[in-house]
C-alpha atoms as a PDB file:
ATOM      1  CA  UNK A   1     138.627  97.821 252.613  1.00  0.00           C
ATOM      2  CA  UNK A   2     135.734 100.304 252.594  1.00  0.00           C
ATOM      3  CA  UNK A   3     136.546 103.374 250.455  1.00  0.00           C
ATOM      4  CA  UNK A   4     133.214 105.240 250.665  1.00  0.00           C
ATOM      5  CA  UNK A   5     130.449 105.080 253.234  1.00  0.00           C
ATOM      6  CA  UNK A   6     127.455 106.044 251.086  1.00  0.00           C
ATOM      7  CA  UNK A   7     125.080 103.078 250.862  1.00  0.00           C
ATOM      8  CA  UNK A   8     127.624 100.814 252.543  1.00  0.00           C
ATOM      9  CA  UNK A   9     126.077  98.251 254.879  1.00  0.00           C
ATOM     10  CA  UNK A  10     127.431  98.486 258.432  1.00  0.00           C
ATOM     11  CA  UNK A  11     126.690  96.207 261.383  1.00  0.00           C
ATOM     12  CA  UNK A  12     127.486  97.452 264.896  1.00  0.00           C
ATOM     13  CA  UNK A  13     127.196  95.664 268.240  1.00  0.00           C
ATOM     14  CA  UNK A  14     126.870  97.761 271.398  1.00  0.00           C
ATOM     15  CA  UNK A  15     125.992  97.660 275.073  1.00  0.00           C
ATOM     16  CA  UNK A  16     126.419  94.932 277.686  1.00  0.00           C
ATOM     17  CA  UNK A  17     125.426  91.281 277.510  1.00  0.00           C
ATOM     18  CA  UNK A  18     123.818  89.329 280.319  1.00  0.00           C
ATOM     19  CA  UNK A  19     124.468  85.718 281.326  1.00  0.00           C
ATOM     20  CA  UNK A  20     121.986  83.945 283.585  1.00  0.00           C
ATOM     21  CA  UNK A  21     122.756  82.743 287.099  1.00  0.00           C
ATOM     22  CA  UNK A  22     119.211  81.606 287.795  1.00  0.00           C
ATOM     23  CA  UNK A  23     115.786  82.502 286.433  1.00  0.00           C
ATOM     24  CA  UNK A  24     115.878  86.024 287.913  1.00  0.00           C
ATOM     25  CA  UNK A  25     119.569  86.916 288.348  1.00  0.00           C
ATOM     26  CA  UNK A  26     122.238  87.764 285.804  1.00  0.00           C
ATOM     27  CA  UNK A  27     125.921  88.690 285.563  1.00  0.00           C
ATOM     28  CA  UNK A  28     126.473  91.870 283.559  1.00  0.00           C
ATOM     29  CA  UNK A  29     128.887  94.808 283.283  1.00  0.00           C
ATOM     30  CA  UNK A  30     128.822  98.602 283.325  1.00  0.00           C
ATOM     31  CA  UNK A  31     128.752  99.225 279.554  1.00  0.00           C
ATOM     32  CA  UNK A  32     126.172 101.804 278.442  1.00  0.00           C
ATOM     33  CA  UNK A  33     126.128 101.315 274.669  1.00  0.00           C
ATOM     34  CA  UNK A  34     126.971 105.004 274.143  1.00  0.00           C
ATOM     35  CA  UNK A  35     129.968 104.308 271.881  1.00  0.00           C
ATOM     36  CA  UNK A  36     127.989 102.085 269.543  1.00  0.00           C
ATOM     37  CA  UNK A  37     125.090 104.546 269.397  1.00  0.00           C
ATOM     38  CA  UNK A  38     127.502 107.383 268.633  1.00  0.00           C
ATOM     39  CA  UNK A  39     129.076 105.348 265.843  1.00  0.00           C
ATOM     40  CA  UNK A  40     125.716 104.287 264.402  1.00  0.00           C
ATOM     41  CA  UNK A  41     124.408 107.847 264.203  1.00  0.00           C
ATOM     42  CA  UNK A  42     127.631 109.114 262.632  1.00  0.00           C
ATOM     43  CA  UNK A  43     127.667 106.424 259.947  1.00  0.00           C
ATOM     44  CA  UNK A  44     124.010 107.123 259.120  1.00  0.00           C
ATOM     45  CA  UNK A  45     124.816 110.827 258.678  1.00  0.00           C
ATOM     46  CA  UNK A  46     127.576 109.833 256.249  1.00  0.00           C
ATOM     47  CA  UNK A  47     125.140 107.842 254.122  1.00  0.00           C
ATOM     48  CA  UNK A  48     125.661 104.298 255.381  1.00  0.00           C
ATOM     49  CA  UNK A  49     122.891 101.810 256.082  1.00  0.00           C
ATOM     50  CA  UNK A  50     123.369 100.626 259.662  1.00  0.00           C
ATOM     51  CA  UNK A  51     122.133  97.646 261.641  1.00  0.00           C
ATOM     52  CA  UNK A  52     122.708  98.199 265.370  1.00  0.00           C
ATOM     53  CA  UNK A  53     122.567  95.205 267.694  1.00  0.00           C
ATOM     54  CA  UNK A  54     121.961  96.853 271.066  1.00  0.00           C
ATOM     55  CA  UNK A  55     122.144  95.243 274.481  1.00  0.00           C
ATOM     56  CA  UNK A  56     120.234  96.186 277.652  1.00  0.00           C
ATOM     57  CA  UNK A  57     121.174  99.663 278.814  1.00  0.00           C
ATOM     58  CA  UNK A  58     119.713 102.602 280.686  1.00  0.00           C
ATOM     59  CA  UNK A  59     119.982 105.206 277.945  1.00  0.00           C
ATOM     60  CA  UNK A  60     116.987 106.578 276.073  1.00  0.00           C
ATOM     61  CA  UNK A  61     115.737 104.551 273.148  1.00  0.00           C
ATOM     62  CA  UNK A  62     117.480 104.921 269.821  1.00  0.00           C
ATOM     63  CA  UNK A  63     115.195 105.975 267.002  1.00  0.00           C
ATOM     64  CA  UNK A  64     114.960 103.828 263.886  1.00  0.00           C
ATOM     65  CA  UNK A  65     114.842 104.988 260.284  1.00  0.00           C
ATOM     66  CA  UNK A  66     115.332 103.625 256.784  1.00  0.00           C
ATOM     67  CA  UNK A  67     119.076 103.945 257.300  1.00  0.00           C
ATOM     68  CA  UNK A  68     119.187 102.724 260.925  1.00  0.00           C
ATOM     69  CA  UNK A  69     117.733  99.416 262.023  1.00  0.00           C
ATOM     70  CA  UNK A  70     117.998  98.550 265.724  1.00  0.00           C
ATOM     71  CA  UNK A  71     117.787  94.961 266.963  1.00  0.00           C
ATOM     72  CA  UNK A  72     117.644  94.552 270.735  1.00  0.00           C
ATOM     73  CA  UNK A  73     119.120  91.714 272.764  1.00  0.00           C
ATOM     74  CA  UNK A  74     119.693  91.022 276.442  1.00  0.00           C
ATOM     75  CA  UNK A  75     121.616  87.790 276.802  1.00  0.00           C
ATOM     76  CA  UNK A  76     124.915  86.554 275.386  1.00  0.00           C
ATOM     77  CA  UNK A  77     123.245  83.763 273.421  1.00  0.00           C
ATOM     78  CA  UNK A  78     120.715  86.192 271.945  1.00  0.00           C
ATOM     79  CA  UNK A  79     123.524  88.371 270.584  1.00  0.00           C
ATOM     80  CA  UNK A  80     125.315  85.335 269.155  1.00  0.00           C
ATOM     81  CA  UNK A  81     122.189  84.047 267.381  1.00  0.00           C
ATOM     82  CA  UNK A  82     121.271  87.516 266.062  1.00  0.00           C
ATOM     83  CA  UNK A  83     124.760  88.088 264.725  1.00  0.00           C
ATOM     84  CA  UNK A  84     125.006  84.700 263.024  1.00  0.00           C
ATOM     85  CA  UNK A  85     121.611  85.232 261.398  1.00  0.00           C
ATOM     86  CA  UNK A  86     122.487  88.717 260.134  1.00  0.00           C
ATOM     87  CA  UNK A  87     125.855  87.699 258.716  1.00  0.00           C
ATOM     88  CA  UNK A  88     124.437  84.552 257.128  1.00  0.00           C
ATOM     89  CA  UNK A  89     121.536  86.290 255.397  1.00  0.00           C
ATOM     90  CA  UNK A  90     122.867  89.768 254.522  1.00  0.00           C
ATOM     91  CA  UNK A  91     126.099  91.025 253.001  1.00  0.00           C
ATOM     92  CA  UNK A  92     127.869  93.659 255.113  1.00  0.00           C
ATOM     93  CA  UNK A  93     130.822  95.846 254.146  1.00  0.00           C
ATOM     94  CA  UNK A  94     131.868  96.870 257.653  1.00  0.00           C
ATOM     95  CA  UNK A  95     131.466  95.436 261.156  1.00  0.00           C
ATOM     96  CA  UNK A  96     132.163  97.339 264.374  1.00  0.00           C
ATOM     97  CA  UNK A  97     132.097  95.104 267.433  1.00  0.00           C
ATOM     98  CA  UNK A  98     132.046  97.333 270.508  1.00  0.00           C
ATOM     99  CA  UNK A  99     129.566  95.391 272.648  1.00  0.00           C
ATOM    100  CA  UNK A 100     130.938  94.550 276.090  1.00  0.00           C
ATOM    101  CA  UNK A 101     130.514  90.810 275.713  1.00  0.00           C
ATOM    102  CA  UNK A 102     130.536  88.529 278.742  1.00  0.00           C
ATOM    103  CA  UNK A 103     133.829  86.626 278.902  1.00  0.00           C
ATOM    104  CA  UNK A 104     132.479  84.068 281.383  1.00  0.00           C
ATOM    105  CA  UNK A 105     129.191  82.399 282.222  1.00  0.00           C
ATOM    106  CA  UNK A 106     128.063  80.138 285.076  1.00  0.00           C
ATOM    107  CA  UNK A 107     128.829  76.499 284.395  1.00  0.00           C
ATOM    108  CA  UNK A 108     125.430  75.528 285.794  1.00  0.00           C
ATOM    109  CA  UNK A 109     122.155  77.399 285.414  1.00  0.00           C
ATOM    110  CA  UNK A 110     119.683  77.146 288.281  1.00  0.00           C
ATOM    111  CA  UNK A 111     116.090  76.978 287.117  1.00  0.00           C
ATOM    112  CA  UNK A 112     113.968  79.044 289.465  1.00  0.00           C
ATOM    113  CA  UNK A 113     115.485  81.329 292.101  1.00  0.00           C
ATOM    114  CA  UNK A 114     118.473  80.522 294.291  1.00  0.00           C
ATOM    115  CA  UNK A 115     117.538  81.033 297.933  1.00  0.00           C
ATOM    116  CA  UNK A 116     118.480  84.442 299.347  1.00  0.00           C
ATOM    117  CA  UNK A 117     119.057  82.924 302.803  1.00  0.00           C
ATOM    118  CA  UNK A 118     122.310  81.123 302.019  1.00  0.00           C
ATOM    119  CA  UNK A 119     125.361  81.982 304.121  1.00  0.00           C
ATOM    120  CA  UNK A 120     127.581  81.505 301.089  1.00  0.00           C
ATOM    121  CA  UNK A 121     127.047  81.055 297.356  1.00  0.00           C
ATOM    122  CA  UNK A 122     129.782  79.763 295.067  1.00  0.00           C
ATOM    123  CA  UNK A 123     129.323  80.093 291.319  1.00  0.00           C
ATOM    124  CA  UNK A 124     131.723  78.322 288.980  1.00  0.00           C
ATOM    125  CA  UNK A 125     132.367  80.277 285.783  1.00  0.00           C
ATOM    126  CA  UNK A 126     133.533  78.953 282.421  1.00  0.00           C
ATOM    127  CA  UNK A 127     134.657  80.929 279.337  1.00  0.00           C
ATOM    128  CA  UNK A 128     132.132  81.961 276.706  1.00  0.00           C
ATOM    129  CA  UNK A 129     132.874  81.615 273.011  1.00  0.00           C
ATOM    130  CA  UNK A 130     134.564  84.609 271.346  1.00  0.00           C
ATOM    131  CA  UNK A 131     131.797  86.346 269.412  1.00  0.00           C
ATOM    132  CA  UNK A 132     134.250  88.585 267.538  1.00  0.00           C
ATOM    133  CA  UNK A 133     135.551  85.516 265.674  1.00  0.00           C
ATOM    134  CA  UNK A 134     132.127  85.015 264.059  1.00  0.00           C
ATOM    135  CA  UNK A 135     132.472  87.995 261.687  1.00  0.00           C
ATOM    136  CA  UNK A 136     135.372  86.821 259.524  1.00  0.00           C
ATOM    137  CA  UNK A 137     134.313  83.195 259.799  1.00  0.00           C
ATOM    138  CA  UNK A 138     131.005  83.910 258.066  1.00  0.00           C
ATOM    139  CA  UNK A 139     132.086  86.872 255.898  1.00  0.00           C
ATOM    140  CA  UNK A 140     135.876  86.721 255.340  1.00  0.00           C
ATOM    141  CA  UNK A 141     135.957  89.917 253.245  1.00  0.00           C
ATOM    142  CA  UNK A 142     134.225  92.130 255.805  1.00  0.00           C
ATOM    143  CA  UNK A 143     136.205  95.050 257.264  1.00  0.00           C
ATOM    144  CA  UNK A 144     136.269  94.366 261.003  1.00  0.00           C
ATOM    145  CA  UNK A 145     136.766  96.836 263.851  1.00  0.00           C
ATOM    146  CA  UNK A 146     137.225  95.428 267.339  1.00  0.00           C
ATOM    147  CA  UNK A 147     137.465  97.091 270.735  1.00  0.00           C
ATOM    148  CA  UNK A 148     139.764  96.286 273.631  1.00  0.00           C
ATOM    149  CA  UNK A 149     139.104  97.917 276.997  1.00  0.00           C
ATOM    150  CA  UNK A 150     141.460  97.669 279.957  1.00  0.00           C
ATOM    151  CA  UNK A 151     140.902 100.016 282.940  1.00  0.00           C
ATOM    152  CA  UNK A 152     143.963 101.982 284.085  1.00  0.00           C
ATOM    153  CA  UNK A 153     146.113 100.250 281.447  1.00  0.00           C
ATOM    154  CA  UNK A 154     149.453 101.541 280.192  1.00  0.00           C
ATOM    155  CA  UNK A 155     150.052 102.405 276.553  1.00  0.00           C
ATOM    156  CA  UNK A 156     152.272  99.338 276.170  1.00  0.00           C
ATOM    157  CA  UNK A 157     149.603  97.001 277.534  1.00  0.00           C
ATOM    158  CA  UNK A 158     146.847  98.527 275.389  1.00  0.00           C
ATOM    159  CA  UNK A 159     148.843  98.309 272.159  1.00  0.00           C
ATOM    160  CA  UNK A 160     150.078  94.807 272.919  1.00  0.00           C
ATOM    161  CA  UNK A 161     146.585  93.478 273.688  1.00  0.00           C
ATOM    162  CA  UNK A 162     145.181  95.184 270.592  1.00  0.00           C
ATOM    163  CA  UNK A 163     147.788  93.485 268.397  1.00  0.00           C
ATOM    164  CA  UNK A 164     146.997  90.142 270.031  1.00  0.00           C
ATOM    165  CA  UNK A 165     143.318  90.684 269.256  1.00  0.00           C
ATOM    166  CA  UNK A 166     144.159  91.494 265.635  1.00  0.00           C
ATOM    167  CA  UNK A 167     146.232  88.323 265.374  1.00  0.00           C
ATOM    168  CA  UNK A 168     143.528  86.118 266.931  1.00  0.00           C
ATOM    169  CA  UNK A 169     140.514  87.538 265.083  1.00  0.00           C
ATOM    170  CA  UNK A 170     141.876  88.989 261.803  1.00  0.00           C
ATOM    171  CA  UNK A 171     140.430  92.371 262.767  1.00  0.00           C
ATOM    172  CA  UNK A 172     141.507  95.227 260.500  1.00  0.00           C
ATOM    173  CA  UNK A 173     141.334  97.873 263.244  1.00  0.00           C
ATOM    174  CA  UNK A 174     141.188  97.745 267.026  1.00  0.00           C
ATOM    175  CA  UNK A 175     140.283 100.604 269.337  1.00  0.00           C
ATOM    176  CA  UNK A 176     142.402 100.051 272.451  1.00  0.00           C
ATOM    177  CA  UNK A 177     140.855 102.177 275.172  1.00  0.00           C
ATOM    178  CA  UNK A 178     141.076 102.768 278.892  1.00  0.00           C
ATOM    179  CA  UNK A 179     139.904 105.024 281.704  1.00  0.00           C
ATOM    180  CA  UNK A 180     142.497 106.742 283.867  1.00  0.00           C
ATOM    181  CA  UNK A 181     141.148 108.895 286.696  1.00  0.00           C
ATOM    182  CA  UNK A 182     137.796 108.692 284.870  1.00  0.00           C
ATOM    183  CA  UNK A 183     139.358 110.172 281.728  1.00  0.00           C
ATOM    184  CA  UNK A 184     138.859 108.422 278.386  1.00  0.00           C
ATOM    185  CA  UNK A 185     142.054 107.487 276.525  1.00  0.00           C
ATOM    186  CA  UNK A 186     142.368 105.419 273.350  1.00  0.00           C
ATOM    187  CA  UNK A 187     144.604 104.344 270.477  1.00  0.00           C
ATOM    188  CA  UNK A 188     143.545 103.239 267.007  1.00  0.00           C
ATOM    189  CA  UNK A 189     145.653 100.180 266.244  1.00  0.00           C
ATOM    190  CA  UNK A 190     146.249  98.224 263.024  1.00  0.00           C
ATOM    191  CA  UNK A 191     148.608  95.368 262.299  1.00  0.00           C
ATOM    192  CA  UNK A 192     151.427  97.773 261.431  1.00  0.00           C
ATOM    193  CA  UNK A 193     150.798 101.043 263.272  1.00  0.00           C
ATOM    194  CA  UNK A 194     148.894 102.933 265.950  1.00  0.00           C
ATOM    195  CA  UNK A 195     147.508 106.449 266.203  1.00  0.00           C
ATOM    196  CA  UNK A 196     148.488 109.168 268.615  1.00  0.00           C
ATOM    197  CA  UNK A 197     146.644 109.249 271.918  1.00  0.00           C
ATOM    198  CA  UNK A 198     142.906 110.026 271.580  1.00  0.00           C
ATOM    199  CA  UNK A 199     141.133 111.807 274.449  1.00  0.00           C
ATOM    200  CA  UNK A 200     137.402 111.722 273.568  1.00  0.00           C
ATOM    201  CA  UNK A 201     134.974 109.212 272.071  1.00  0.00           C
ATOM    202  CA  UNK A 202     133.964 111.717 269.393  1.00  0.00           C
ATOM    203  CA  UNK A 203     137.587 112.119 268.299  1.00  0.00           C
ATOM    204  CA  UNK A 204     137.903 108.345 268.287  1.00  0.00           C
ATOM    205  CA  UNK A 205     134.890 108.049 265.977  1.00  0.00           C
ATOM    206  CA  UNK A 206     136.254 110.700 263.598  1.00  0.00           C
ATOM    207  CA  UNK A 207     139.700 109.089 263.549  1.00  0.00           C
ATOM    208  CA  UNK A 208     138.286 105.640 262.940  1.00  0.00           C
ATOM    209  CA  UNK A 209     136.175 106.836 260.016  1.00  0.00           C
ATOM    210  CA  UNK A 210     139.127 108.643 258.452  1.00  0.00           C
ATOM    211  CA  UNK A 211     141.287 105.528 258.780  1.00  0.00           C
ATOM    212  CA  UNK A 212     138.641 103.235 257.299  1.00  0.00           C
ATOM    213  CA  UNK A 213     138.156 105.474 254.270  1.00  0.00           C
ATOM    214  CA  UNK A 214     141.890 106.103 253.815  1.00  0.00           C
ATOM    215  CA  UNK A 215     142.811 102.436 253.876  1.00  0.00           C
END
């Protein structure tokens, strides 16, 4: 486990991923990348050296510095290739995977543009590979933080799904979060315990950092 953040190497994924339907259309989600950017800036202030893999989003550009390197991606496969390259060529102490990764992709890609005059369009989706499993596969000793988002979810469901994610990916921490009536709620979950209810992203970041350094 990470015991100090100064000069530690941290890799963070953030933002949405796209999967192609045809040459001009994509399937995406509503993620903004704000959580990952917040985390990256906080870790830099605490002395860490951060690589941020950032998906397409509408926020202002994130500045780069000696301590913060930003690599941009748009598509699911681009994130996967970037991540595998980073983990295979550089040693990281901590990984925070909060990108909203596409769970499904179209089974068939249409080169060119699908006609807009169709009365009906059926798209068959198939599961994508689980990117979060790449971290421990390539670097087994890395401290891994995963995120699990379920809108309007109960505490029981959030904790249960977080523990399942820990079991399936060997994550050390999972942030189980939801939105209820547009209010942010989260729990910090490990294999053996969970935190009290967290009400803001900034409090989540502070709690996560404390837990990483404590453990």
